[in-house]
Amino acid sequence: MSDQSDQEKVEKGFEMDEKTEEKQHEKMDEKTWEEKHRSDPLSRVVWAGILIWAGLVLLANNLGILRDVPLLGGMSAWSLAFAGAGLIILVEVLIRLVIPEYSGPVIGSLIIALVFLGIGLDDLVGWSIVWPAIVIGVGVVILFRALFRKG
């Protein structure tokens, strides 16, 4: 009897080792957060572009250049920076949708782009129009995702 129980213990130990080994392989196959983002140069380029845009807008404001541009309609520097950031993120979303090498989730980026655009366009249009339009836009994004979701 003791031989059989010893053999069972060995078999159970072997099963445990297989399960442990499987889990280790799964962990090795999964990319860490850092590895995933390291392999996504588009995201880094977008955020660098946003920082450069904001810096240029703030510098132009400090130098008095923005006051001389009639097309801005009296937008503040921060509004212009946010509107530009929203547009840059929208370009990222379009790139992710069109170019397969950069495909990835876009819903979060699309929502943040709409929010940034809303903050930026507030000076031109006003809160009473911008924020309802953003809420509608987010709803449409969620609706399209629900209707056209893969799998």
N, C-alpha and C. Protein backbone atom coordinates (compact mmCIF):
# COMPACT_ATOMS: atom_id res chain seq x y z
N MET A 1 0.80 -1.19 0.00
CA MET A 1 0.00 0.00 0.00
C MET A 1 0.85 1.25 0.00
N SER A 2 1.89 1.18 0.75
CA SER A 2 2.72 2.36 0.83
C SER A 2 3.38 2.67 -0.50
N ASP A 3 3.69 1.61 -1.29
CA ASP A 3 4.26 1.84 -2.61
C ASP A 3 3.28 2.58 -3.51
N GLN A 4 2.00 2.21 -3.39
CA GLN A 4 0.99 2.84 -4.24
C GLN A 4 0.80 4.31 -3.83
N SER A 5 0.75 4.60 -2.55
CA SER A 5 0.56 5.98 -2.11
C SER A 5 1.78 6.83 -2.45
N ASP A 6 2.97 6.23 -2.39
CA ASP A 6 4.17 6.95 -2.79
C ASP A 6 4.12 7.27 -4.28
N GLN A 7 3.65 6.29 -5.05
CA GLN A 7 3.55 6.50 -6.49
C GLN A 7 2.53 7.59 -6.79
N GLU A 8 1.41 7.60 -6.07
CA GLU A 8 0.39 8.64 -6.25
C GLU A 8 0.97 10.01 -5.92
N LYS A 9 1.75 10.08 -4.87
CA LYS A 9 2.37 11.34 -4.49
C LYS A 9 3.31 11.83 -5.58
N VAL A 10 4.08 10.90 -6.14
CA VAL A 10 5.00 11.27 -7.21
C VAL A 10 4.23 11.77 -8.42
N GLU A 11 3.12 11.07 -8.78
CA GLU A 11 2.31 11.49 -9.92
C GLU A 11 1.69 12.86 -9.67
N LYS A 12 1.19 13.08 -8.45
CA LYS A 12 0.61 14.38 -8.12
C LYS A 12 1.68 15.47 -8.18
N GLY A 13 2.85 15.15 -7.69
CA GLY A 13 3.96 16.10 -7.76
C GLY A 13 4.32 16.42 -9.20
N PHE A 14 4.29 15.37 -10.05
CA PHE A 14 4.57 15.56 -11.47
C PHE A 14 3.51 16.44 -12.11
N GLU A 15 2.22 16.22 -11.76
CA GLU A 15 1.13 17.06 -12.27
C GLU A 15 1.31 18.50 -11.81
N MET A 16 1.69 18.67 -10.56
CA MET A 16 1.90 20.01 -10.03
C MET A 16 3.03 20.70 -10.79
N ASP A 17 4.10 19.94 -11.06
CA ASP A 17 5.22 20.51 -11.79
C ASP A 17 4.79 20.93 -13.20
N GLU A 18 3.94 20.12 -13.86
CA GLU A 18 3.46 20.46 -15.20
C GLU A 18 2.62 21.74 -15.15
N LYS A 19 1.76 21.85 -14.14
CA LYS A 19 0.92 23.04 -14.01
C LYS A 19 1.78 24.27 -13.73
N THR A 20 2.74 24.12 -12.88
CA THR A 20 3.64 25.23 -12.57
C THR A 20 4.41 25.65 -13.82
N GLU A 21 4.88 24.65 -14.56
CA GLU A 21 5.61 24.94 -15.79
C GLU A 21 4.71 25.64 -16.81
N GLU A 22 3.46 25.18 -16.94
CA GLU A 22 2.51 25.83 -17.85
C GLU A 22 2.30 27.29 -17.49
N LYS A 23 2.11 27.55 -16.21
CA LYS A 23 1.91 28.93 -15.75
C LYS A 23 3.13 29.79 -16.05
N GLN A 24 4.30 29.23 -15.87
CA GLN A 24 5.52 29.99 -16.16
C GLN A 24 5.61 30.32 -17.65
N HIS A 25 5.24 29.37 -18.50
CA HIS A 25 5.26 29.63 -19.94
C HIS A 25 4.24 30.70 -20.32
N GLU A 26 3.05 30.65 -19.69
CA GLU A 26 2.03 31.66 -19.96
C GLU A 26 2.54 33.04 -19.57
N LYS A 27 3.20 33.13 -18.42
CA LYS A 27 3.75 34.41 -17.98
C LYS A 27 4.82 34.91 -18.94
N MET A 28 5.63 33.99 -19.45
CA MET A 28 6.67 34.39 -20.38
C MET A 28 6.07 34.86 -21.70
N ASP A 29 4.95 34.24 -22.12
CA ASP A 29 4.30 34.62 -23.37
C ASP A 29 3.61 35.97 -23.26
N GLU A 30 3.10 36.29 -22.08
CA GLU A 30 2.43 37.57 -21.90
C GLU A 30 3.48 38.69 -21.87
N LYS A 31 3.18 39.75 -22.57
CA LYS A 31 4.08 40.90 -22.53
C LYS A 31 3.72 41.76 -21.33
N THR A 32 4.72 42.32 -20.72
CA THR A 32 4.46 43.24 -19.63
C THR A 32 3.97 44.56 -20.19
N TRP A 33 3.38 45.38 -19.34
CA TRP A 33 2.88 46.69 -19.75
C TRP A 33 3.98 47.50 -20.41
N GLU A 34 5.15 47.47 -19.81
CA GLU A 34 6.28 48.24 -20.33
C GLU A 34 6.71 47.74 -21.70
N GLU A 35 6.73 46.41 -21.88
CA GLU A 35 7.11 45.86 -23.18
C GLU A 35 6.12 46.23 -24.27
N LYS A 36 4.83 46.21 -23.94
CA LYS A 36 3.80 46.56 -24.92
C LYS A 36 3.96 48.01 -25.36
N HIS A 37 4.20 48.90 -24.42
CA HIS A 37 4.30 50.31 -24.75
C HIS A 37 5.65 50.66 -25.36
N ARG A 38 6.66 49.86 -25.07
CA ARG A 38 7.95 50.09 -25.69
C ARG A 38 7.87 49.78 -27.18
N SER A 39 7.02 48.82 -27.55
CA SER A 39 6.89 48.45 -28.95
C SER A 39 5.85 49.30 -29.68
N ASP A 40 5.32 50.33 -29.04
CA ASP A 40 4.32 51.21 -29.66
C ASP A 40 4.89 52.61 -29.83
N PRO A 41 5.65 52.84 -30.90
CA PRO A 41 6.26 54.15 -31.08
C PRO A 41 5.24 55.24 -31.38
N LEU A 42 4.09 54.88 -31.94
CA LEU A 42 3.08 55.88 -32.28
C LEU A 42 2.61 56.64 -31.05
N SER A 43 2.38 55.94 -29.98
CA SER A 43 1.92 56.58 -28.74
C SER A 43 2.97 57.57 -28.22
N ARG A 44 4.22 57.18 -28.27
CA ARG A 44 5.28 58.08 -27.81
C ARG A 44 5.38 59.31 -28.70
N VAL A 45 5.26 59.12 -30.01
CA VAL A 45 5.32 60.25 -30.94
C VAL A 45 4.16 61.20 -30.70
N VAL A 46 2.96 60.64 -30.45
CA VAL A 46 1.78 61.48 -30.22
C VAL A 46 1.96 62.32 -28.96
N TRP A 47 2.39 61.70 -27.87
CA TRP A 47 2.54 62.48 -26.64
C TRP A 47 3.68 63.48 -26.73
N ALA A 48 4.73 63.14 -27.45
CA ALA A 48 5.80 64.12 -27.67
C ALA A 48 5.26 65.29 -28.50
N GLY A 49 4.46 64.97 -29.51
CA GLY A 49 3.85 66.02 -30.34
C GLY A 49 2.95 66.93 -29.54
N ILE A 50 2.18 66.35 -28.62
CA ILE A 50 1.30 67.16 -27.76
C ILE A 50 2.12 68.11 -26.90
N LEU A 51 3.19 67.61 -26.30
CA LEU A 51 4.03 68.47 -25.46
C LEU A 51 4.70 69.57 -26.27
N ILE A 52 5.18 69.22 -27.45
CA ILE A 52 5.81 70.23 -28.32
C ILE A 52 4.78 71.28 -28.73
N TRP A 53 3.59 70.84 -29.12
CA TRP A 53 2.51 71.76 -29.52
C TRP A 53 2.18 72.72 -28.37
N ALA A 54 1.96 72.16 -27.18
CA ALA A 54 1.61 73.00 -26.03
C ALA A 54 2.73 74.00 -25.73
N GLY A 55 3.98 73.54 -25.80
CA GLY A 55 5.10 74.45 -25.56
C GLY A 55 5.17 75.57 -26.58
N LEU A 56 4.94 75.23 -27.85
CA LEU A 56 4.97 76.26 -28.90
C LEU A 56 3.84 77.27 -28.71
N VAL A 57 2.65 76.78 -28.35
CA VAL A 57 1.51 77.69 -28.14
C VAL A 57 1.78 78.61 -26.96
N LEU A 58 2.28 78.06 -25.87
CA LEU A 58 2.56 78.89 -24.69
C LEU A 58 3.68 79.90 -24.97
N LEU A 59 4.69 79.47 -25.72
CA LEU A 59 5.76 80.39 -26.09
C LEU A 59 5.23 81.51 -26.98
N ALA A 60 4.42 81.16 -27.97
CA ALA A 60 3.83 82.18 -28.85
C ALA A 60 2.97 83.15 -28.05
N ASN A 61 2.26 82.64 -27.07
CA ASN A 61 1.43 83.50 -26.23
C ASN A 61 2.30 84.46 -25.42
N ASN A 62 3.37 83.93 -24.84
CA ASN A 62 4.27 84.78 -24.04
C ASN A 62 4.97 85.84 -24.88
N LEU A 63 5.20 85.54 -26.15
CA LEU A 63 5.84 86.50 -27.04
C LEU A 63 4.84 87.47 -27.68
N GLY A 64 3.56 87.27 -27.42
CA GLY A 64 2.52 88.15 -27.94
C GLY A 64 2.10 87.84 -29.37
N ILE A 65 2.55 86.73 -29.90
CA ILE A 65 2.24 86.37 -31.29
C ILE A 65 0.76 85.99 -31.45
N LEU A 66 0.18 85.34 -30.46
CA LEU A 66 -1.21 84.88 -30.57
C LEU A 66 -2.20 86.04 -30.66
N ARG A 67 -1.86 87.17 -30.05
CA ARG A 67 -2.77 88.32 -30.09
C ARG A 67 -2.94 88.86 -31.50
N ASP A 68 -1.95 88.64 -32.35
CA ASP A 68 -1.97 89.17 -33.71
C ASP A 68 -2.63 88.24 -34.72
N VAL A 69 -3.13 87.07 -34.30
CA VAL A 69 -3.73 86.10 -35.22
C VAL A 69 -5.25 86.21 -35.12
N PRO A 70 -5.89 86.81 -36.14
CA PRO A 70 -7.34 87.02 -36.06
C PRO A 70 -8.15 85.73 -36.20
N LEU A 71 -7.61 84.69 -36.79
CA LEU A 71 -8.34 83.44 -36.99
C LEU A 71 -8.66 82.72 -35.68
N LEU A 72 -7.94 83.03 -34.64
CA LEU A 72 -8.13 82.33 -33.37
C LEU A 72 -9.38 82.79 -32.64
N GLY A 73 -9.93 83.89 -33.01
CA GLY A 73 -11.19 84.35 -32.41
C GLY A 73 -11.12 84.58 -30.92
N GLY A 74 -9.99 84.98 -30.43
CA GLY A 74 -9.87 85.26 -29.01
C GLY A 74 -9.65 84.03 -28.13
N MET A 75 -9.22 82.93 -28.71
CA MET A 75 -8.95 81.74 -27.91
C MET A 75 -7.76 81.99 -26.98
N SER A 76 -7.85 81.46 -25.77
CA SER A 76 -6.71 81.56 -24.86
C SER A 76 -5.64 80.55 -25.30
N ALA A 77 -4.44 80.73 -24.78
CA ALA A 77 -3.35 79.83 -25.14
C ALA A 77 -3.66 78.40 -24.70
N TRP A 78 -4.22 78.26 -23.51
CA TRP A 78 -4.53 76.91 -23.03
C TRP A 78 -5.63 76.26 -23.86
N SER A 79 -6.61 77.04 -24.29
CA SER A 79 -7.66 76.48 -25.14
C SER A 79 -7.08 76.01 -26.47
N LEU A 80 -6.18 76.79 -27.02
CA LEU A 80 -5.54 76.41 -28.27
C LEU A 80 -4.67 75.16 -28.08
N ALA A 81 -3.99 75.09 -26.96
CA ALA A 81 -3.16 73.92 -26.67
C ALA A 81 -4.04 72.66 -26.55
N PHE A 82 -5.16 72.76 -25.84
CA PHE A 82 -6.04 71.61 -25.69
C PHE A 82 -6.69 71.21 -27.01
N ALA A 83 -7.11 72.18 -27.80
CA ALA A 83 -7.72 71.88 -29.10
C ALA A 83 -6.71 71.17 -30.00
N GLY A 84 -5.48 71.65 -30.01
CA GLY A 84 -4.43 71.00 -30.81
C GLY A 84 -4.13 69.60 -30.32
N ALA A 85 -4.11 69.42 -29.01
CA ALA A 85 -3.88 68.08 -28.45
C ALA A 85 -5.00 67.13 -28.87
N GLY A 86 -6.22 67.62 -28.84
CA GLY A 86 -7.35 66.79 -29.28
C GLY A 86 -7.21 66.39 -30.74
N LEU A 87 -6.80 67.33 -31.57
CA LEU A 87 -6.61 67.02 -33.00
C LEU A 87 -5.46 66.02 -33.21
N ILE A 88 -4.39 66.18 -32.45
CA ILE A 88 -3.26 65.24 -32.57
C ILE A 88 -3.71 63.83 -32.18
N ILE A 89 -4.49 63.72 -31.13
CA ILE A 89 -4.96 62.40 -30.71
C ILE A 89 -5.95 61.83 -31.73
N LEU A 90 -6.77 62.68 -32.35
CA LEU A 90 -7.65 62.20 -33.42
C LEU A 90 -6.85 61.66 -34.59
N VAL A 91 -5.74 62.29 -34.92
CA VAL A 91 -4.87 61.79 -35.98
C VAL A 91 -4.32 60.41 -35.58
N GLU A 92 -3.95 60.26 -34.30
CA GLU A 92 -3.48 58.96 -33.82
C GLU A 92 -4.56 57.90 -34.02
N VAL A 93 -5.80 58.24 -33.67
CA VAL A 93 -6.91 57.29 -33.83
C VAL A 93 -7.06 56.89 -35.30
N LEU A 94 -7.01 57.87 -36.19
CA LEU A 94 -7.12 57.57 -37.62
C LEU A 94 -5.99 56.67 -38.09
N ILE A 95 -4.77 56.94 -37.63
CA ILE A 95 -3.63 56.10 -38.02
C ILE A 95 -3.84 54.68 -37.52
N ARG A 96 -4.31 54.52 -36.28
CA ARG A 96 -4.54 53.18 -35.73
C ARG A 96 -5.63 52.43 -36.49
N LEU A 97 -6.61 53.15 -37.01
CA LEU A 97 -7.69 52.52 -37.75
C LEU A 97 -7.28 52.17 -39.19
N VAL A 98 -6.36 52.92 -39.76
CA VAL A 98 -6.02 52.75 -41.17
C VAL A 98 -4.78 51.89 -41.39
N ILE A 99 -3.78 52.03 -40.55
CA ILE A 99 -2.52 51.33 -40.76
C ILE A 99 -2.45 50.11 -39.84
N PRO A 100 -2.44 48.91 -40.41
CA PRO A 100 -2.49 47.68 -39.60
C PRO A 100 -1.34 47.54 -38.60
N GLU A 101 -0.14 48.02 -38.94
CA GLU A 101 1.00 47.87 -38.01
C GLU A 101 0.77 48.60 -36.69
N TYR A 102 -0.05 49.64 -36.72
CA TYR A 102 -0.29 50.44 -35.52
C TYR A 102 -1.68 50.21 -34.93
N SER A 103 -2.36 49.17 -35.38
CA SER A 103 -3.71 48.95 -34.88
C SER A 103 -3.68 48.66 -33.38
N GLY A 104 -4.75 49.04 -32.75
CA GLY A 104 -4.87 48.85 -31.31
C GLY A 104 -6.16 49.47 -30.84
N PRO A 105 -6.41 49.41 -29.55
CA PRO A 105 -7.65 49.99 -29.02
C PRO A 105 -7.66 51.51 -29.21
N VAL A 106 -8.82 52.03 -29.64
CA VAL A 106 -8.91 53.46 -29.93
C VAL A 106 -10.02 54.17 -29.15
N ILE A 107 -10.86 53.44 -28.47
CA ILE A 107 -12.00 54.06 -27.79
C ILE A 107 -11.54 55.07 -26.75
N GLY A 108 -10.61 54.71 -25.90
CA GLY A 108 -10.12 55.62 -24.87
C GLY A 108 -9.48 56.85 -25.48
N SER A 109 -8.69 56.66 -26.53
CA SER A 109 -8.05 57.79 -27.20
C SER A 109 -9.09 58.70 -27.84
N LEU A 110 -10.12 58.10 -28.42
CA LEU A 110 -11.16 58.90 -29.06
C LEU A 110 -11.92 59.73 -28.02
N ILE A 111 -12.20 59.16 -26.89
CA ILE A 111 -12.91 59.89 -25.83
C ILE A 111 -12.05 61.03 -25.30
N ILE A 112 -10.76 60.77 -25.04
CA ILE A 112 -9.90 61.84 -24.52
C ILE A 112 -9.71 62.93 -25.57
N ALA A 113 -9.68 62.55 -26.85
CA ALA A 113 -9.59 63.55 -27.92
C ALA A 113 -10.82 64.45 -27.92
N LEU A 114 -12.00 63.86 -27.74
CA LEU A 114 -13.23 64.66 -27.70
C LEU A 114 -13.24 65.59 -26.49
N VAL A 115 -12.78 65.11 -25.37
CA VAL A 115 -12.74 65.95 -24.16
C VAL A 115 -11.75 67.10 -24.36
N PHE A 116 -10.57 66.82 -24.89
CA PHE A 116 -9.58 67.87 -25.14
C PHE A 116 -10.11 68.90 -26.14
N LEU A 117 -10.77 68.42 -27.20
CA LEU A 117 -11.36 69.34 -28.16
C LEU A 117 -12.44 70.19 -27.50
N GLY A 118 -13.22 69.60 -26.63
CA GLY A 118 -14.25 70.35 -25.91
C GLY A 118 -13.66 71.45 -25.05
N ILE A 119 -12.62 71.12 -24.34
CA ILE A 119 -11.95 72.12 -23.50
C ILE A 119 -11.39 73.23 -24.39
N GLY A 120 -10.79 72.83 -25.51
CA GLY A 120 -10.18 73.81 -26.39
C GLY A 120 -11.19 74.70 -27.11
N LEU A 121 -12.32 74.14 -27.51
CA LEU A 121 -13.30 74.93 -28.27
C LEU A 121 -14.26 75.72 -27.39
N ASP A 122 -14.12 75.60 -26.11
CA ASP A 122 -15.01 76.31 -25.19
C ASP A 122 -14.98 77.82 -25.42
N ASP A 123 -13.79 78.38 -25.65
CA ASP A 123 -13.68 79.83 -25.86
C ASP A 123 -14.42 80.29 -27.12
N LEU A 124 -14.47 79.43 -28.14
CA LEU A 124 -15.11 79.81 -29.40
C LEU A 124 -16.63 79.59 -29.37
N VAL A 125 -17.05 78.46 -28.82
CA VAL A 125 -18.45 78.05 -28.93
C VAL A 125 -19.21 78.22 -27.62
N GLY A 126 -18.58 77.92 -26.53
CA GLY A 126 -19.23 78.02 -25.22
C GLY A 126 -19.59 76.66 -24.66
N TRP A 127 -19.63 76.60 -23.34
CA TRP A 127 -19.89 75.34 -22.64
C TRP A 127 -21.26 74.75 -22.98
N SER A 128 -22.23 75.61 -23.20
CA SER A 128 -23.60 75.11 -23.40
C SER A 128 -23.74 74.30 -24.69
N ILE A 129 -22.83 74.44 -25.62
CA ILE A 129 -22.88 73.66 -26.86
C ILE A 129 -21.81 72.58 -26.86
N VAL A 130 -20.62 72.90 -26.37
CA VAL A 130 -19.50 71.97 -26.46
C VAL A 130 -19.74 70.69 -25.66
N TRP A 131 -20.11 70.81 -24.39
CA TRP A 131 -20.21 69.60 -23.57
C TRP A 131 -21.36 68.69 -23.96
N PRO A 132 -22.54 69.21 -24.33
CA PRO A 132 -23.56 68.29 -24.85
C PRO A 132 -23.08 67.58 -26.12
N ALA A 133 -22.34 68.30 -26.98
CA ALA A 133 -21.82 67.67 -28.20
C ALA A 133 -20.82 66.57 -27.86
N ILE A 134 -20.01 66.77 -26.83
CA ILE A 134 -19.05 65.75 -26.41
C ILE A 134 -19.78 64.52 -25.87
N VAL A 135 -20.79 64.75 -25.06
CA VAL A 135 -21.56 63.63 -24.51
C VAL A 135 -22.20 62.82 -25.65
N ILE A 136 -22.76 63.53 -26.63
CA ILE A 136 -23.35 62.85 -27.79
C ILE A 136 -22.27 62.07 -28.54
N GLY A 137 -21.12 62.69 -28.75
CA GLY A 137 -20.02 62.02 -29.45
C GLY A 137 -19.56 60.77 -28.74
N VAL A 138 -19.41 60.82 -27.43
CA VAL A 138 -19.00 59.64 -26.67
C VAL A 138 -20.06 58.56 -26.79
N GLY A 139 -21.34 58.94 -26.73
CA GLY A 139 -22.41 57.97 -26.89
C GLY A 139 -22.38 57.30 -28.25
N VAL A 140 -22.12 58.08 -29.29
CA VAL A 140 -22.04 57.52 -30.64
C VAL A 140 -20.86 56.56 -30.75
N VAL A 141 -19.74 56.91 -30.16
CA VAL A 141 -18.57 56.04 -30.18
C VAL A 141 -18.89 54.70 -29.51
N ILE A 142 -19.52 54.76 -28.35
CA ILE A 142 -19.87 53.54 -27.63
C ILE A 142 -20.88 52.72 -28.43
N LEU A 143 -21.84 53.38 -29.06
CA LEU A 143 -22.84 52.69 -29.88
C LEU A 143 -22.18 51.97 -31.05
N PHE A 144 -21.30 52.66 -31.77
CA PHE A 144 -20.61 52.03 -32.90
C PHE A 144 -19.76 50.86 -32.44
N ARG A 145 -19.14 50.99 -31.30
CA ARG A 145 -18.32 49.89 -30.79
C ARG A 145 -19.20 48.69 -30.48
N ALA A 146 -20.37 48.93 -29.91
CA ALA A 146 -21.26 47.83 -29.58
C ALA A 146 -21.80 47.16 -30.85
N LEU A 147 -22.10 47.96 -31.86
CA LEU A 147 -22.70 47.41 -33.09
C LEU A 147 -21.68 46.71 -33.99
N PHE A 148 -20.47 47.22 -34.03
CA PHE A 148 -19.48 46.69 -34.97
C PHE A 148 -18.34 45.97 -34.30
N ARG A 149 -18.55 45.49 -33.11
CA ARG A 149 -17.50 44.80 -32.37
C ARG A 149 -17.18 43.46 -33.03
N LYS A 150 -15.91 43.15 -33.13
CA LYS A 150 -15.48 41.88 -33.68
C LYS A 150 -15.63 40.78 -32.64
N GLY A 151 -16.09 39.63 -33.09
CA GLY A 151 -16.17 38.44 -32.23
C GLY A 151 -17.16 38.60 -31.20
